[in-house]
PDB file of all heavy atoms in Angstrom:
ATOM      1  N   LEU A   1       0.822  -1.201   0.003  1.00  0.00           N
ATOM      2  CA  LEU A   1       0.011   0.010   0.014  1.00  0.00           C
ATOM      3  C   LEU A   1       0.871   1.255  -0.001  1.00  0.00           C
ATOM      4  O   LEU A   1       1.772   1.372   0.813  1.00  0.00           O
ATOM      5  CB  LEU A   1      -0.897   0.031   1.254  1.00  0.00           C
ATOM      6  CG  LEU A   1      -1.860  -1.160   1.418  1.00  0.00           C
ATOM      7  CD1 LEU A   1      -2.653  -1.005   2.720  1.00  0.00           C
ATOM      8  CD2 LEU A   1      -2.814  -1.233   0.240  1.00  0.00           C
ATOM      9  N   PRO A   2       0.617   2.182  -0.911  1.00  0.00           N
ATOM     10  CA  PRO A   2       1.362   3.464  -0.895  1.00  0.00           C
ATOM     11  C   PRO A   2       1.193   4.131   0.465  1.00  0.00           C
ATOM     12  O   PRO A   2       0.091   4.144   1.049  1.00  0.00           O
ATOM     13  CB  PRO A   2       0.710   4.303  -1.997  1.00  0.00           C
ATOM     14  CG  PRO A   2       0.068   3.266  -2.889  1.00  0.00           C
ATOM     15  CD  PRO A   2      -0.383   2.166  -2.006  1.00  0.00           C
ATOM     16  N   LEU A   3       2.279   4.743   0.967  1.00  0.00           N
ATOM     17  CA  LEU A   3       2.278   5.293   2.323  1.00  0.00           C
ATOM     18  C   LEU A   3       2.743   6.755   2.327  1.00  0.00           C
ATOM     19  O   LEU A   3       3.780   7.079   1.751  1.00  0.00           O
ATOM     20  CB  LEU A   3       3.180   4.465   3.233  1.00  0.00           C
ATOM     21  CG  LEU A   3       3.436   4.946   4.651  1.00  0.00           C
ATOM     22  CD1 LEU A   3       2.157   5.010   5.468  1.00  0.00           C
ATOM     23  CD2 LEU A   3       4.459   4.082   5.353  1.00  0.00           C
ATOM     24  N   VAL A   4       1.971   7.631   2.967  1.00  0.00           N
ATOM     25  CA  VAL A   4       2.338   9.017   3.160  1.00  0.00           C
ATOM     26  C   VAL A   4       2.441   9.282   4.636  1.00  0.00           C
ATOM     27  O   VAL A   4       1.516   8.983   5.398  1.00  0.00           O
ATOM     28  CB  VAL A   4       1.308   9.972   2.504  1.00  0.00           C
ATOM     29  CG1 VAL A   4       1.685  11.433   2.780  1.00  0.00           C
ATOM     30  CG2 VAL A   4       1.190   9.721   1.007  1.00  0.00           C
ATOM     31  N   LEU A   5       3.525   9.884   5.097  1.00  0.00           N
ATOM     32  CA  LEU A   5       3.757  10.235   6.505  1.00  0.00           C
ATOM     33  C   LEU A   5       3.673  11.750   6.627  1.00  0.00           C
ATOM     34  O   LEU A   5       4.234  12.469   5.819  1.00  0.00           O
ATOM     35  CB  LEU A   5       5.139   9.754   6.980  1.00  0.00           C
ATOM     36  CG  LEU A   5       5.501   8.289   6.650  1.00  0.00           C
ATOM     37  CD1 LEU A   5       6.957   8.023   7.038  1.00  0.00           C
ATOM     38  CD2 LEU A   5       4.576   7.339   7.413  1.00  0.00           C
ATOM     39  N   SER A   6       3.004  12.212   7.675  1.00  0.00           N
ATOM     40  CA  SER A   6       2.915  13.662   7.847  1.00  0.00           C
ATOM     41  C   SER A   6       3.046  14.042   9.322  1.00  0.00           C
ATOM     42  O   SER A   6       2.653  13.275  10.232  1.00  0.00           O
ATOM     43  CB  SER A   6       1.585  14.185   7.308  1.00  0.00           C
ATOM     44  OG  SER A   6       0.473  13.725   8.105  1.00  0.00           O
ATOM     45  N   ASP A   7       3.590  15.212   9.555  1.00  0.00           N
ATOM     46  CA  ASP A   7       3.704  15.741  10.909  1.00  0.00           C
ATOM     47  C   ASP A   7       3.808  17.246  10.873  1.00  0.00           C
ATOM     48  O   ASP A   7       4.326  17.812   9.903  1.00  0.00           O
ATOM     49  CB  ASP A   7       4.951  15.159  11.611  1.00  0.00           C
ATOM     50  CG  ASP A   7       4.831  15.251  13.136  1.00  0.00           C
ATOM     51  OD1 ASP A   7       4.984  16.352  13.696  1.00  0.00           O
ATOM     52  OD2 ASP A   7       4.580  14.199  13.772  1.00  0.00           O
ATOM     53  N   ILE A   8       3.302  17.919  11.916  1.00  0.00           N
ATOM     54  CA  ILE A   8       3.324  19.359  11.975  1.00  0.00           C
ATOM     55  C   ILE A   8       4.759  19.884  12.293  1.00  0.00           C
ATOM     56  O   ILE A   8       5.100  21.003  11.974  1.00  0.00           O
ATOM     57  CB  ILE A   8       2.313  19.903  13.012  1.00  0.00           C
ATOM     58  CG1 ILE A   8       2.095  21.387  12.815  1.00  0.00           C
ATOM     59  CG2 ILE A   8       2.771  19.571  14.422  1.00  0.00           C
ATOM     60  CD1 ILE A   8       0.981  21.958  13.686  1.00  0.00           C
ATOM     61  N   ALA A   9       5.555  19.008  12.948  1.00  0.00           N
ATOM     62  CA  ALA A   9       6.908  19.387  13.337  1.00  0.00           C
ATOM     63  C   ALA A   9       7.908  18.947  12.285  1.00  0.00           C
ATOM     64  O   ALA A   9       8.064  17.748  12.049  1.00  0.00           O
ATOM     65  CB  ALA A   9       7.254  18.774  14.704  1.00  0.00           C
ATOM     66  N   GLN A  10       8.572  19.891  11.655  1.00  0.00           N
ATOM     67  CA  GLN A  10       9.448  19.550  10.549  1.00  0.00           C
ATOM     68  C   GLN A  10      10.622  18.639  10.987  1.00  0.00           C
ATOM     69  O   GLN A  10      11.029  17.766  10.239  1.00  0.00           O
ATOM     70  CB  GLN A  10      10.028  20.820   9.914  1.00  0.00           C
ATOM     71  CG  GLN A  10      10.742  20.558   8.598  1.00  0.00           C
ATOM     72  CD  GLN A  10      11.170  21.827   7.903  1.00  0.00           C
ATOM     73  OE1 GLN A  10      12.077  22.498   8.348  1.00  0.00           O
ATOM     74  NE2 GLN A  10      10.457  22.163   6.844  1.00  0.00           N
ATOM     75  N   GLY A  11      11.075  18.835  12.214  1.00  0.00           N
ATOM     76  CA  GLY A  11      12.151  17.940  12.695  1.00  0.00           C
ATOM     77  C   GLY A  11      11.704  16.494  12.734  1.00  0.00           C
ATOM     78  O   GLY A  11      12.472  15.578  12.389  1.00  0.00           O
ATOM     79  N   MET A  12      10.435  16.258  13.130  1.00  0.00           N
ATOM     80  CA  MET A  12       9.905  14.914  13.129  1.00  0.00           C
ATOM     81  C   MET A  12       9.712  14.396  11.709  1.00  0.00           C
ATOM     82  O   MET A  12      10.017  13.245  11.426  1.00  0.00           O
ATOM     83  CB  MET A  12       8.558  14.895  13.869  1.00  0.00           C
ATOM     84  CG  MET A  12       8.663  15.076  15.363  1.00  0.00           C
ATOM     85  SD  MET A  12       9.482  13.678  16.174  1.00  0.00           S
ATOM     86  CE  MET A  12       9.155  14.027  17.900  1.00  0.00           C
ATOM     87  N   THR A  13       9.214  15.222  10.810  1.00  0.00           N
ATOM     88  CA  THR A  13       9.018  14.813   9.401  1.00  0.00           C
ATOM     89  C   THR A  13      10.313  14.367   8.772  1.00  0.00           C
ATOM     90  O   THR A  13      10.375  13.321   8.108  1.00  0.00           O
ATOM     91  CB  THR A  13       8.406  15.947   8.615  1.00  0.00           C
ATOM     92  OG1 THR A  13       7.214  16.454   9.246  1.00  0.00           O
ATOM     93  CG2 THR A  13       8.012  15.484   7.210  1.00  0.00           C
ATOM     94  N   ARG A  14      11.341  15.127   9.011  1.00  0.00           N
ATOM     95  CA  ARG A  14      12.691  14.790   8.464  1.00  0.00           C
ATOM     96  C   ARG A  14      13.186  13.463   9.037  1.00  0.00           C
ATOM     97  O   ARG A  14      13.754  12.611   8.290  1.00  0.00           O
ATOM     98  CB  ARG A  14      13.654  15.906   8.719  1.00  0.00           C
ATOM     99  CG  ARG A  14      13.383  17.171   7.905  1.00  0.00           C
ATOM    100  CD  ARG A  14      14.375  18.258   8.275  1.00  0.00           C
ATOM    101  NE  ARG A  14      14.228  19.450   7.436  1.00  0.00           N
ATOM    102  CZ  ARG A  14      14.896  20.577   7.589  1.00  0.00           C
ATOM    103  NH1 ARG A  14      15.806  20.633   8.582  1.00  0.00           N
ATOM    104  NH2 ARG A  14      14.710  21.588   6.806  1.00  0.00           N
ATOM    105  N   HIS A  15      13.021  13.271  10.329  1.00  0.00           N
ATOM    106  CA  HIS A  15      13.451  12.054  10.979  1.00  0.00           C
ATOM    107  C   HIS A  15      12.681  10.851  10.410  1.00  0.00           C
ATOM    108  O   HIS A  15      13.291   9.817  10.132  1.00  0.00           O
ATOM    109  CB  HIS A  15      13.240  12.156  12.487  1.00  0.00           C
ATOM    110  CG  HIS A  15      13.958  11.112  13.280  1.00  0.00           C
ATOM    111  ND1 HIS A  15      13.576   9.785  13.295  1.00  0.00           N
ATOM    112  CD2 HIS A  15      15.025  11.181  14.090  1.00  0.00           C
ATOM    113  CE1 HIS A  15      14.367   9.109  14.076  1.00  0.00           C
ATOM    114  NE2 HIS A  15      15.257   9.917  14.587  1.00  0.00           N
ATOM    115  N   ALA A  16      11.375  10.995  10.272  1.00  0.00           N
ATOM    116  CA  ALA A  16      10.547   9.916   9.746  1.00  0.00           C
ATOM    117  C   ALA A  16      10.948   9.603   8.313  1.00  0.00           C
ATOM    118  O   ALA A  16      10.923   8.399   7.891  1.00  0.00           O
ATOM    119  CB  ALA A  16       9.070  10.282   9.818  1.00  0.00           C
ATOM    120  N   ALA A  17      11.287  10.583   7.517  1.00  0.00           N
ATOM    121  CA  ALA A  17      11.676  10.365   6.115  1.00  0.00           C
ATOM    122  C   ALA A  17      12.911   9.477   6.050  1.00  0.00           C
ATOM    123  O   ALA A  17      13.045   8.627   5.160  1.00  0.00           O
ATOM    124  CB  ALA A  17      11.920  11.681   5.417  1.00  0.00           C
ATOM    125  N   ARG A  18      13.838   9.660   6.995  1.00  0.00           N
ATOM    126  CA  ARG A  18      15.062   8.839   7.030  1.00  0.00           C
ATOM    127  C   ARG A  18      14.739   7.408   7.509  1.00  0.00           C
ATOM    128  O   ARG A  18      15.333   6.441   6.994  1.00  0.00           O
ATOM    129  CB  ARG A  18      16.102   9.475   7.935  1.00  0.00           C
ATOM    130  CG  ARG A  18      16.657  10.784   7.443  1.00  0.00           C
ATOM    131  CD  ARG A  18      17.878  11.225   8.221  1.00  0.00           C
ATOM    132  NE  ARG A  18      17.564  11.465   9.630  1.00  0.00           N
ATOM    133  CZ  ARG A  18      17.199  12.667  10.107  1.00  0.00           C
ATOM    134  NH1 ARG A  18      17.114  13.695   9.300  1.00  0.00           N
ATOM    135  NH2 ARG A  18      16.948  12.813  11.385  1.00  0.00           N
ATOM    136  N   MET A  19      13.806   7.318   8.466  1.00  0.00           N
ATOM    137  CA  MET A  19      13.521   5.991   9.023  1.00  0.00           C
ATOM    138  C   MET A  19      12.625   5.156   8.153  1.00  0.00           C
ATOM    139  O   MET A  19      12.654   3.921   8.205  1.00  0.00           O
ATOM    140  CB  MET A  19      12.840   6.190  10.409  1.00  0.00           C
ATOM    141  CG  MET A  19      13.722   6.892  11.442  1.00  0.00           C
ATOM    142  SD  MET A  19      15.281   6.043  11.775  1.00  0.00           S
ATOM    143  CE  MET A  19      14.653   4.540  12.535  1.00  0.00           C
ATOM    144  N   VAL A  20      11.782   5.818   7.334  1.00  0.00           N
ATOM    145  CA  VAL A  20      10.807   5.092   6.501  1.00  0.00           C
ATOM    146  C   VAL A  20      10.967   5.566   5.058  1.00  0.00           C
ATOM    147  O   VAL A  20      10.138   6.298   4.541  1.00  0.00           O
ATOM    148  CB  VAL A  20       9.366   5.322   6.969  1.00  0.00           C
ATOM    149  CG1 VAL A  20       8.425   4.279   6.309  1.00  0.00           C
ATOM    150  CG2 VAL A  20       9.242   5.218   8.476  1.00  0.00           C
ATOM    151  N   PRO A  21      12.042   5.157   4.384  1.00  0.00           N
ATOM    152  CA  PRO A  21      12.277   5.609   3.002  1.00  0.00           C
ATOM    153  C   PRO A  21      11.235   5.131   2.032  1.00  0.00           C
ATOM    154  O   PRO A  21      11.090   5.696   0.929  1.00  0.00           O
ATOM    155  CB  PRO A  21      13.664   5.031   2.684  1.00  0.00           C
ATOM    156  CG  PRO A  21      13.835   3.874   3.596  1.00  0.00           C
ATOM    157  CD  PRO A  21      13.108   4.266   4.859  1.00  0.00           C
ATOM    158  N   GLN A  22      10.451   4.087   2.421  1.00  0.00           N
ATOM    159  CA  GLN A  22       9.419   3.587   1.502  1.00  0.00           C
ATOM    160  C   GLN A  22       8.247   4.574   1.387  1.00  0.00           C
ATOM    161  O   GLN A  22       7.457   4.509   0.411  1.00  0.00           O
ATOM    162  CB  GLN A  22       8.858   2.254   2.003  1.00  0.00           C
ATOM    163  CG  GLN A  22       9.947   1.200   2.289  1.00  0.00           C
ATOM    164  CD  GLN A  22      10.371   1.167   3.741  1.00  0.00           C
ATOM    165  OE1 GLN A  22      10.610   2.215   4.348  1.00  0.00           O
ATOM    166  NE2 GLN A  22      10.440  -0.020   4.321  1.00  0.00           N
ATOM    167  N   GLY A  23       8.094   5.434   2.361  1.00  0.00           N
ATOM    168  CA  GLY A  23       6.967   6.365   2.357  1.00  0.00           C
ATOM    169  C   GLY A  23       7.381   7.737   1.877  1.00  0.00           C
ATOM    170  O   GLY A  23       8.568   8.072   1.771  1.00  0.00           O
ATOM    171  N   MET A  24       6.390   8.590   1.618  1.00  0.00           N
ATOM    172  CA  MET A  24       6.597   9.979   1.285  1.00  0.00           C
ATOM    173  C   MET A  24       6.282  10.798   2.530  1.00  0.00           C
ATOM    174  O   MET A  24       5.165  10.716   3.063  1.00  0.00           O
ATOM    175  CB  MET A  24       5.722  10.433   0.123  1.00  0.00           C
ATOM    176  CG  MET A  24       5.928  11.883  -0.281  1.00  0.00           C
ATOM    177  SD  MET A  24       4.918  12.393  -1.690  1.00  0.00           S
ATOM    178  CE  MET A  24       3.280  12.359  -0.980  1.00  0.00           C
ATOM    179  N   ALA A  25       7.213  11.625   2.984  1.00  0.00           N
ATOM    180  CA  ALA A  25       7.025  12.408   4.206  1.00  0.00           C
ATOM    181  C   ALA A  25       6.783  13.874   3.871  1.00  0.00           C
ATOM    182  O   ALA A  25       7.500  14.471   3.073  1.00  0.00           O
ATOM    183  CB  ALA A  25       8.247  12.260   5.114  1.00  0.00           C
ATOM    184  N   VAL A  26       5.755  14.470   4.472  1.00  0.00           N
ATOM    185  CA  VAL A  26       5.405  15.864   4.228  1.00  0.00           C
ATOM    186  C   VAL A  26       5.055  16.552   5.546  1.00  0.00           C
ATOM    187  O   VAL A  26       4.571  15.918   6.481  1.00  0.00           O
ATOM    188  CB  VAL A  26       4.219  16.011   3.271  1.00  0.00           C
ATOM    189  CG1 VAL A  26       4.556  15.399   1.919  1.00  0.00           C
ATOM    190  CG2 VAL A  26       2.953  15.387   3.833  1.00  0.00           C
ATOM    191  N   ASP A  27       5.269  17.853   5.600  1.00  0.00           N
ATOM    192  CA  ASP A  27       4.813  18.635   6.754  1.00  0.00           C
ATOM    193  C   ASP A  27       3.320  18.905   6.598  1.00  0.00           C
ATOM    194  O   ASP A  27       2.878  19.301   5.510  1.00  0.00           O
ATOM    195  CB  ASP A  27       5.567  19.985   6.809  1.00  0.00           C
ATOM    196  CG  ASP A  27       7.042  19.816   7.067  1.00  0.00           C
ATOM    197  OD1 ASP A  27       7.431  18.780   7.624  1.00  0.00           O
ATOM    198  OD2 ASP A  27       7.807  20.734   6.716  1.00  0.00           O
ATOM    199  N   ALA A  28       2.546  18.713   7.654  1.00  0.00           N
ATOM    200  CA  ALA A  28       1.102  18.903   7.561  1.00  0.00           C
ATOM    201  C   ALA A  28       0.486  19.103   8.916  1.00  0.00           C
ATOM    202  O   ALA A  28       0.890  18.525   9.903  1.00  0.00           O
ATOM    203  CB  ALA A  28       0.462  17.705   6.869  1.00  0.00           C
ATOM    204  N   ASP A  29      -0.519  19.999   8.960  1.00  0.00           N
ATOM    205  CA  ASP A  29      -1.302  20.259  10.163  1.00  0.00           C
ATOM    206  C   ASP A  29      -2.590  19.416  10.085  1.00  0.00           C
ATOM    207  O   ASP A  29      -3.299  19.460   9.091  1.00  0.00           O
ATOM    208  CB  ASP A  29      -1.664  21.752  10.203  1.00  0.00           C
ATOM    209  CG  ASP A  29      -2.435  22.151  11.462  1.00  0.00           C
ATOM    210  OD1 ASP A  29      -2.974  21.278  12.140  1.00  0.00           O
ATOM    211  OD2 ASP A  29      -2.495  23.372  11.732  1.00  0.00           O
ATOM    212  N   ALA A  30      -2.862  18.658  11.129  1.00  0.00           N
ATOM    213  CA  ALA A  30      -4.044  17.763  11.137  1.00  0.00           C
ATOM    214  C   ALA A  30      -5.345  18.532  10.954  1.00  0.00           C
ATOM    215  O   ALA A  30      -6.326  17.967  10.496  1.00  0.00           O
ATOM    216  CB  ALA A  30      -4.077  16.993  12.464  1.00  0.00           C
ATOM    217  N   GLN A  31      -5.372  19.802  11.308  1.00  0.00           N
ATOM    218  CA  GLN A  31      -6.575  20.615  11.184  1.00  0.00           C
ATOM    219  C   GLN A  31      -6.707  21.251   9.787  1.00  0.00           C
ATOM    220  O   GLN A  31      -7.732  21.910   9.520  1.00  0.00           O
ATOM    221  CB  GLN A  31      -6.591  21.690  12.252  1.00  0.00           C
ATOM    222  CG  GLN A  31      -6.601  21.136  13.662  1.00  0.00           C
ATOM    223  CD  GLN A  31      -6.385  22.200  14.725  1.00  0.00           C
ATOM    224  OE1 GLN A  31      -7.313  22.545  15.478  1.00  0.00           O
ATOM    225  NE2 GLN A  31      -5.179  22.752  14.778  1.00  0.00           N
ATOM    226  N   ASN A  32      -5.687  21.066   8.941  1.00  0.00           N
ATOM    227  CA  ASN A  32      -5.720  21.635   7.616  1.00  0.00           C
ATOM    228  C   ASN A  32      -4.830  20.809   6.690  1.00  0.00           C
ATOM    229  O   ASN A  32      -3.773  21.273   6.243  1.00  0.00           O
ATOM    230  CB  ASN A  32      -5.278  23.107   7.664  1.00  0.00           C
ATOM    231  CG  ASN A  32      -5.483  23.825   6.331  1.00  0.00           C
ATOM    232  OD1 ASN A  32      -6.343  23.434   5.540  1.00  0.00           O
ATOM    233  ND2 ASN A  32      -4.695  24.845   6.071  1.00  0.00           N
ATOM    234  N   LEU A  33      -5.229  19.618   6.400  1.00  0.00           N
ATOM    235  CA  LEU A  33      -4.416  18.661   5.658  1.00  0.00           C
ATOM    236  C   LEU A  33      -4.233  19.116   4.194  1.00  0.00           C
ATOM    237  O   LEU A  33      -5.228  19.464   3.530  1.00  0.00           O
ATOM    238  CB  LEU A  33      -5.025  17.266   5.678  1.00  0.00           C
ATOM    239  CG  LEU A  33      -5.070  16.622   7.057  1.00  0.00           C
ATOM    240  CD1 LEU A  33      -5.881  15.301   7.008  1.00  0.00           C
ATOM    241  CD2 LEU A  33      -3.675  16.337   7.602  1.00  0.00           C
ATOM    242  N   PRO A  34      -3.001  19.119   3.665  1.00  0.00           N
ATOM    243  CA  PRO A  34      -2.738  19.582   2.290  1.00  0.00           C
ATOM    244  C   PRO A  34      -2.930  18.511   1.252  1.00  0.00           C
ATOM    245  O   PRO A  34      -2.048  18.282   0.375  1.00  0.00           O
ATOM    246  CB  PRO A  34      -1.274  20.026   2.397  1.00  0.00           C
ATOM    247  CG  PRO A  34      -0.683  19.024   3.367  1.00  0.00           C
ATOM    248  CD  PRO A  34      -1.771  18.766   4.377  1.00  0.00           C
ATOM    249  N   PHE A  35      -4.044  17.811   1.293  1.00  0.00           N
ATOM    250  CA  PHE A  35      -4.310  16.721   0.341  1.00  0.00           C
ATOM    251  C   PHE A  35      -5.698  16.916  -0.269  1.00  0.00           C
ATOM    252  O   PHE A  35      -6.617  17.472   0.335  1.00  0.00           O
ATOM    253  CB  PHE A  35      -4.250  15.386   1.021  1.00  0.00           C
ATOM    254  CG  PHE A  35      -2.975  15.139   1.775  1.00  0.00           C
ATOM    255  CD1 PHE A  35      -2.967  15.123   3.170  1.00  0.00           C
ATOM    256  CD2 PHE A  35      -1.767  14.922   1.087  1.00  0.00           C
ATOM    257  CE1 PHE A  35      -1.788  14.921   3.879  1.00  0.00           C
ATOM    258  CE2 PHE A  35      -0.584  14.711   1.796  1.00  0.00           C
ATOM    259  CZ  PHE A  35      -0.593  14.720   3.182  1.00  0.00           C
ATOM    260  N   ARG A  36      -5.844  16.350  -1.484  1.00  0.00           N
ATOM    261  CA  ARG A  36      -7.140  16.467  -2.187  1.00  0.00           C
ATOM    262  C   ARG A  36      -8.157  15.556  -1.477  1.00  0.00           C
ATOM    263  O   ARG A  36      -7.849  14.594  -0.824  1.00  0.00           O
ATOM    264  CB  ARG A  36      -6.967  16.036  -3.640  1.00  0.00           C
ATOM    265  CG  ARG A  36      -6.143  16.974  -4.471  1.00  0.00           C
ATOM    266  CD  ARG A  36      -6.069  16.508  -5.918  1.00  0.00           C
ATOM    267  NE  ARG A  36      -5.309  17.415  -6.748  1.00  0.00           N
ATOM    268  CZ  ARG A  36      -5.048  17.222  -8.044  1.00  0.00           C
ATOM    269  NH1 ARG A  36      -5.482  16.105  -8.629  1.00  0.00           N
ATOM    270  NH2 ARG A  36      -4.341  18.105  -8.730  1.00  0.00           N
ATOM    271  N   ALA A  37      -9.434  15.873  -1.700  1.00  0.00           N
ATOM    272  CA  ALA A  37     -10.510  15.101  -1.133  1.00  0.00           C
ATOM    273  C   ALA A  37     -10.504  13.659  -1.680  1.00  0.00           C
ATOM    274  O   ALA A  37     -10.130  13.426  -2.846  1.00  0.00           O
ATOM    275  CB  ALA A  37     -11.863  15.760  -1.424  1.00  0.00           C
ATOM    276  N   GLN A  38     -10.872  12.725  -0.815  1.00  0.00           N
ATOM    277  CA  GLN A  38     -11.055  11.322  -1.205  1.00  0.00           C
ATOM    278  C   GLN A  38      -9.768  10.725  -1.785  1.00  0.00           C
ATOM    279  O   GLN A  38      -9.799   9.946  -2.760  1.00  0.00           O
ATOM    280  CB  GLN A  38     -12.216  11.158  -2.163  1.00  0.00           C
ATOM    281  CG  GLN A  38     -13.544  11.636  -1.575  1.00  0.00           C
ATOM    282  CD  GLN A  38     -14.711  11.371  -2.471  1.00  0.00           C
ATOM    283  OE1 GLN A  38     -14.620  10.725  -3.509  1.00  0.00           O
ATOM    284  NE2 GLN A  38     -15.895  11.809  -2.056  1.00  0.00           N
ATOM    285  N   THR A  39      -8.651  11.023  -1.189  1.00  0.00           N
ATOM    286  CA  THR A  39      -7.359  10.525  -1.679  1.00  0.00           C
ATOM    287  C   THR A  39      -6.939   9.204  -1.064  1.00  0.00           C
ATOM    288  O   THR A  39      -6.374   8.345  -1.737  1.00  0.00           O
ATOM    289  CB  THR A  39      -6.246  11.562  -1.407  1.00  0.00           C
ATOM    290  OG1 THR A  39      -6.506  12.768  -2.100  1.00  0.00           O
ATOM    291  CG2 THR A  39      -4.860  11.043  -1.826  1.00  0.00           C
ATOM    292  N   PHE A  40      -7.301   8.968   0.221  1.00  0.00           N
ATOM    293  CA  PHE A  40      -6.752   7.847   0.975  1.00  0.00           C
ATOM    294  C   PHE A  40      -7.825   6.809   1.338  1.00  0.00           C
ATOM    295  O   PHE A  40      -8.955   7.162   1.564  1.00  0.00           O
ATOM    296  CB  PHE A  40      -6.061   8.315   2.242  1.00  0.00           C
ATOM    297  CG  PHE A  40      -4.933   9.304   1.975  1.00  0.00           C
ATOM    298  CD1 PHE A  40      -5.136  10.662   2.025  1.00  0.00           C
ATOM    299  CD2 PHE A  40      -3.659   8.825   1.629  1.00  0.00           C
ATOM    300  CE1 PHE A  40      -4.100  11.568   1.790  1.00  0.00           C
ATOM    301  CE2 PHE A  40      -2.621   9.710   1.355  1.00  0.00           C
ATOM    302  CZ  PHE A  40      -2.842  11.081   1.425  1.00  0.00           C
ATOM    303  N   GLY A  41      -7.374   5.578   1.400  1.00  0.00           N
ATOM    304  CA  GLY A  41      -8.275   4.489   1.837  1.00  0.00           C
ATOM    305  C   GLY A  41      -8.198   4.216   3.325  1.00  0.00           C
ATOM    306  O   GLY A  41      -9.110   3.668   3.925  1.00  0.00           O
TER     307      GLY A  41
END
C-alpha cells in the first residue's frame, strides 16, 4: 500500500523520512491537511 507520512513538526518529518524511506514524508497540520478530497483508503 502506498504510504504518506505527515507531521506538523518539521524535525519529526525529516526524521521519519530517514527512518521510512518507503513512504513519502510531508509537513502537515491535522486541522488543515494539504491533500485532495477522497485521496486515501
